[in-house]
Amino acid sequence: MLKVAVVDSGINAGHSHIGRVGGGISFVSETWNDQLGHGTAVAAAIHDHEPQVELYAVKIFDRSFSTDIDAVVKALEWCAENRMDVVNLSFATAKHSHGDLMKEVSQRMPILVAPYEFIGLPSFPGSFPWVFGVKPDTECTRAEIRSSADRAFMASPLPRTIPGLPVEQNFQGSSFAVANFTGLICREMIEHDIGGPDELRARLRLR
C-alpha cells in the first residue's frame, strides 16, 4: 500500500470521504486534526481517485493559510525520514531564499508533488526539476493529466463533487490540481506497478 503524506492543514480522520489514515504529525499545533477543512478536502480528492492508499496528515497550517518556512522544511524532513512514497504538498513560494531551504530535503523523497506556480511565477519547490510541479487547468477533467512544455503537469483545479454543494462554494485551485494529480498517479502506480519517479514521469509524458 502506498504511503501518501498530505502536507496541509491536517486531516479529520473520521470524515466520511476519507479512507485509511495511518497517522500524522503537526508542526504548528498540538494535534494534526484539521481546523480549516482544506487538508481534509485534499485528502478526500486523493482518496476519491485511489482508495488503496494510506494517508498521513502532516500539518503545516492551523487556523489560517499562513505558515513559517521552518515548519514546511521540518514537515518535508519528516516525510523523508518516514519513507513516504508520495508527498502531496499544498505550499508554494516564489522566494528564492525559501527555495534554498527546501532544495536538499525536496530531493530526498521519491515523489514530491507541489504547485508549479505562485502569483504567476515559478514557485518552490514545485519548479525544481525533480519535483512533480502541477498547474491548474480548467480544461482538464478530474480524471485527466496533461503535460506542459515547461516540465510542469496540468490537472483539474476542482475537488471531488459533494452532492448539494455548488462547485463555486467548494475549495478549488492549485492545491486541488496537485491533489487530483496525486490521486491519479497513485492509481497509475498501483495499476501498473510503477516503481519510481523516472518511470512514472516517462509514462506521463507519453500521454
Protein backbone atom coordinates (compact mmCIF):
# COMPACT_ATOMS: atom_id res chain seq x y z
CA MET A 1 0.00 0.00 0.00
CA LEU A 2 1.32 3.42 -0.93
CA LYS A 3 2.03 5.80 1.94
CA VAL A 4 0.85 9.29 0.94
CA ALA A 5 1.66 12.34 3.05
CA VAL A 6 -0.80 15.22 2.85
CA VAL A 7 1.21 18.29 3.88
CA ASP A 8 -1.55 20.76 4.57
CA SER A 9 -3.89 21.78 7.42
CA GLY A 10 -4.26 18.29 8.85
CA ILE A 11 -6.95 15.66 8.27
CA ASN A 12 -10.21 14.90 10.05
CA ALA A 13 -9.75 11.13 10.12
CA GLY A 14 -13.39 10.40 10.88
CA HIS A 15 -14.72 12.20 7.81
CA SER A 16 -16.84 10.00 5.54
CA HIS A 17 -14.83 10.98 2.44
CA ILE A 18 -11.52 9.86 3.95
CA GLY A 19 -10.14 6.36 3.86
CA ARG A 20 -7.35 4.91 5.91
CA VAL A 21 -5.28 7.45 7.87
CA GLY A 22 -2.09 5.84 9.08
CA GLY A 23 -1.20 8.67 11.46
CA GLY A 24 0.11 12.16 11.41
CA ILE A 25 2.13 14.95 12.95
CA SER A 26 1.71 18.67 13.43
CA PHE A 27 4.43 21.30 13.22
CA VAL A 28 2.13 24.18 14.15
CA SER A 29 -0.19 22.91 16.91
CA GLU A 30 -0.67 20.11 19.43
CA THR A 31 -2.81 17.95 17.14
CA TRP A 32 -2.88 17.11 13.46
CA ASN A 33 -6.69 17.37 13.41
CA ASP A 34 -7.88 19.75 10.67
CA GLN A 35 -9.29 23.13 11.81
CA LEU A 36 -9.68 24.58 8.30
CA GLY A 37 -11.12 21.70 6.30
CA HIS A 38 -8.65 22.23 3.46
CA GLY A 39 -6.35 19.30 4.21
CA THR A 40 -9.35 17.02 4.67
CA ALA A 41 -10.72 18.08 1.27
CA VAL A 42 -7.31 17.49 -0.33
CA ALA A 43 -7.10 14.04 1.27
CA ALA A 44 -10.65 13.28 0.08
CA ALA A 45 -9.73 14.19 -3.50
CA ILE A 46 -6.74 11.83 -3.39
CA HIS A 47 -8.81 9.03 -1.83
CA ASP A 48 -11.56 9.56 -4.41
CA HIS A 49 -9.11 8.74 -7.22
CA GLU A 50 -7.33 5.88 -5.46
CA PRO A 51 -8.81 4.42 -2.25
CA GLN A 52 -5.95 1.93 -1.85
CA VAL A 53 -3.52 4.37 -0.25
CA GLU A 54 -2.60 5.02 3.36
CA LEU A 55 -2.88 8.73 4.11
CA TYR A 56 -0.72 10.59 6.63
CA ALA A 57 -1.59 14.06 7.93
CA VAL A 58 1.41 16.40 8.05
CA LYS A 59 0.12 19.68 9.42
CA ILE A 60 1.75 23.00 8.46
CA PHE A 61 -1.34 25.24 8.61
CA ASP A 62 -3.52 25.66 11.69
CA ARG A 63 -6.26 28.29 11.71
CA SER A 64 -5.12 30.22 8.63
CA PHE A 65 -3.25 29.56 5.38
CA SER A 66 -0.09 31.21 6.66
CA THR A 67 2.87 29.27 8.00
CA ASP A 68 6.56 29.50 8.71
CA ILE A 69 9.11 28.15 6.22
CA ASP A 70 10.78 26.25 9.07
CA ALA A 71 7.56 24.29 9.60
CA VAL A 72 7.49 23.39 5.91
CA VAL A 73 11.11 22.22 5.93
CA LYS A 74 10.53 20.15 9.10
CA ALA A 75 7.43 18.64 7.51
CA LEU A 76 9.38 17.59 4.42
CA GLU A 77 12.16 16.19 6.59
CA TRP A 78 9.57 14.12 8.47
CA CYS A 79 8.22 12.79 5.17
CA ALA A 80 11.70 11.77 4.03
CA GLU A 81 12.62 10.16 7.36
CA ASN A 82 9.35 8.24 7.50
CA ARG A 83 9.70 6.99 3.95
CA MET A 84 6.54 8.38 2.43
CA ASP A 85 6.07 7.02 -1.10
CA VAL A 86 4.28 10.16 -2.33
CA VAL A 87 4.19 13.60 -0.74
CA ASN A 88 1.34 15.96 -1.64
CA LEU A 89 2.43 19.49 -0.70
CA SER A 90 -0.11 22.34 -0.60
CA PHE A 91 2.54 25.04 -0.40
CA ALA A 92 4.26 27.29 -2.90
CA THR A 93 6.56 30.28 -2.59
CA ALA A 94 8.30 32.49 -5.12
CA LYS A 95 11.06 33.42 -2.64
CA HIS A 96 14.42 32.05 -3.70
CA SER A 97 15.62 32.09 -0.10
CA HIS A 98 12.79 29.70 0.81
CA GLY A 99 13.62 27.58 -2.21
CA ASP A 100 17.20 27.29 -1.00
CA LEU A 101 15.97 25.97 2.35
CA MET A 102 13.81 23.31 0.68
CA LYS A 103 16.22 22.29 -2.07
CA GLU A 104 18.12 19.50 -0.33
CA VAL A 105 15.21 17.89 1.52
CA SER A 106 12.96 18.02 -1.55
CA GLN A 107 15.38 15.63 -3.27
CA ARG A 108 15.10 13.01 -0.50
CA MET A 109 11.54 11.91 -1.32
CA PRO A 110 10.76 9.52 -4.19
CA ILE A 111 7.79 11.56 -5.43
CA LEU A 112 7.01 15.10 -4.29
CA VAL A 113 4.00 16.85 -5.85
CA ALA A 114 3.58 20.62 -5.44
CA PRO A 115 2.19 23.69 -7.24
CA TYR A 116 4.40 24.75 -10.13
CA GLU A 117 3.49 28.44 -9.90
CA PHE A 118 2.71 31.07 -7.29
CA ILE A 119 1.33 34.53 -8.21
CA GLY A 120 2.23 33.81 -11.81
CA LEU A 121 5.88 32.96 -11.09
CA PRO A 122 7.65 29.61 -10.99
CA SER A 123 7.43 28.51 -7.37
CA PHE A 124 9.43 26.41 -4.96
CA PRO A 125 9.69 23.55 -4.55
CA GLY A 126 7.29 22.83 -7.43
CA SER A 127 9.54 24.22 -10.16
CA PHE A 128 12.58 22.16 -9.16
CA PRO A 129 13.19 19.65 -11.99
CA TRP A 130 13.00 16.63 -9.65
CA VAL A 131 9.60 17.69 -8.26
CA PHE A 132 6.30 16.92 -9.99
CA GLY A 133 5.11 20.50 -10.44
CA VAL A 134 1.43 20.91 -11.26
CA LYS A 135 -0.57 23.77 -12.79
CA PRO A 136 -4.36 24.11 -12.60
CA ASP A 137 -6.13 23.70 -15.94
CA THR A 138 -9.90 24.12 -16.07
CA GLU A 139 -9.98 22.31 -19.42
CA CYS A 140 -8.81 19.11 -17.73
CA THR A 141 -11.40 16.74 -16.33
CA ARG A 142 -10.74 15.38 -12.84
CA ALA A 143 -9.66 12.11 -14.45
CA GLU A 144 -7.06 13.73 -16.72
CA ILE A 145 -3.41 14.74 -16.58
CA ARG A 146 -1.75 16.81 -19.30
CA SER A 147 1.90 17.64 -19.92
CA SER A 148 3.22 21.17 -20.29
CA ALA A 149 6.18 22.37 -22.35
CA ASP A 150 7.89 23.80 -19.25
CA ARG A 151 8.24 20.43 -17.42
CA ALA A 152 5.04 21.02 -15.46
CA PHE A 153 1.93 18.86 -15.50
CA MET A 154 -1.63 20.13 -15.62
CA ALA A 155 -4.68 18.84 -13.79
CA SER A 156 -8.16 19.98 -12.86
CA PRO A 157 -8.35 22.54 -10.03
CA LEU A 158 -11.73 21.22 -8.88
CA PRO A 159 -12.18 18.99 -5.80
CA ARG A 160 -14.37 15.90 -5.59
CA THR A 161 -18.07 16.61 -6.09
CA ILE A 162 -20.16 16.98 -2.95
CA PRO A 163 -23.89 16.40 -3.56
CA GLY A 164 -25.91 19.53 -2.82
CA LEU A 165 -22.88 21.84 -2.72
CA PRO A 166 -22.38 24.11 -5.77
CA VAL A 167 -18.84 23.79 -7.10
CA GLU A 168 -18.20 27.52 -6.73
CA GLN A 169 -18.78 27.22 -2.97
CA ASN A 170 -16.25 24.45 -2.51
CA PHE A 171 -12.47 24.67 -2.15
CA GLN A 172 -10.66 24.80 -5.51
CA GLY A 173 -7.44 25.98 -7.13
CA SER A 174 -3.80 24.92 -7.33
CA SER A 175 -3.98 22.73 -4.22
CA PHE A 176 -6.68 20.62 -5.84
CA ALA A 177 -4.84 20.37 -9.14
CA VAL A 178 -2.00 18.95 -7.03
CA ALA A 179 -4.39 16.64 -5.14
CA ASN A 180 -6.06 15.36 -8.32
CA PHE A 181 -2.64 14.74 -9.85
CA THR A 182 -1.51 12.89 -6.73
CA GLY A 183 -4.59 10.67 -6.68
CA LEU A 184 -4.29 9.88 -10.38
CA ILE A 185 -0.59 8.99 -10.21
CA CYS A 186 -1.24 6.77 -7.17
CA ARG A 187 -3.80 4.88 -9.23
CA GLU A 188 -1.32 4.67 -12.10
CA MET A 189 1.46 3.43 -9.84
CA ILE A 190 -0.71 0.73 -8.29
CA GLU A 191 -2.35 -0.47 -11.51
CA HIS A 192 0.90 -0.62 -13.50
CA ASP A 193 3.33 -1.46 -10.69
CA ILE A 194 5.40 1.68 -11.28
CA GLY A 195 8.41 1.67 -9.01
CA GLY A 196 9.93 5.13 -9.17
CA PRO A 197 9.75 8.73 -10.33
CA ASP A 198 11.66 8.28 -13.60
CA GLU A 199 9.36 5.50 -14.76
CA LEU A 200 6.30 7.50 -13.72
CA ARG A 201 7.47 10.68 -15.42
CA ALA A 202 8.21 8.83 -18.65
CA ARG A 203 4.77 7.22 -18.63
CA LEU A 204 3.02 10.54 -18.04
CA ARG A 205 4.94 12.26 -20.83
CA LEU A 206 3.63 9.70 -23.31
CA ARG A 207 0.04 10.88 -22.79
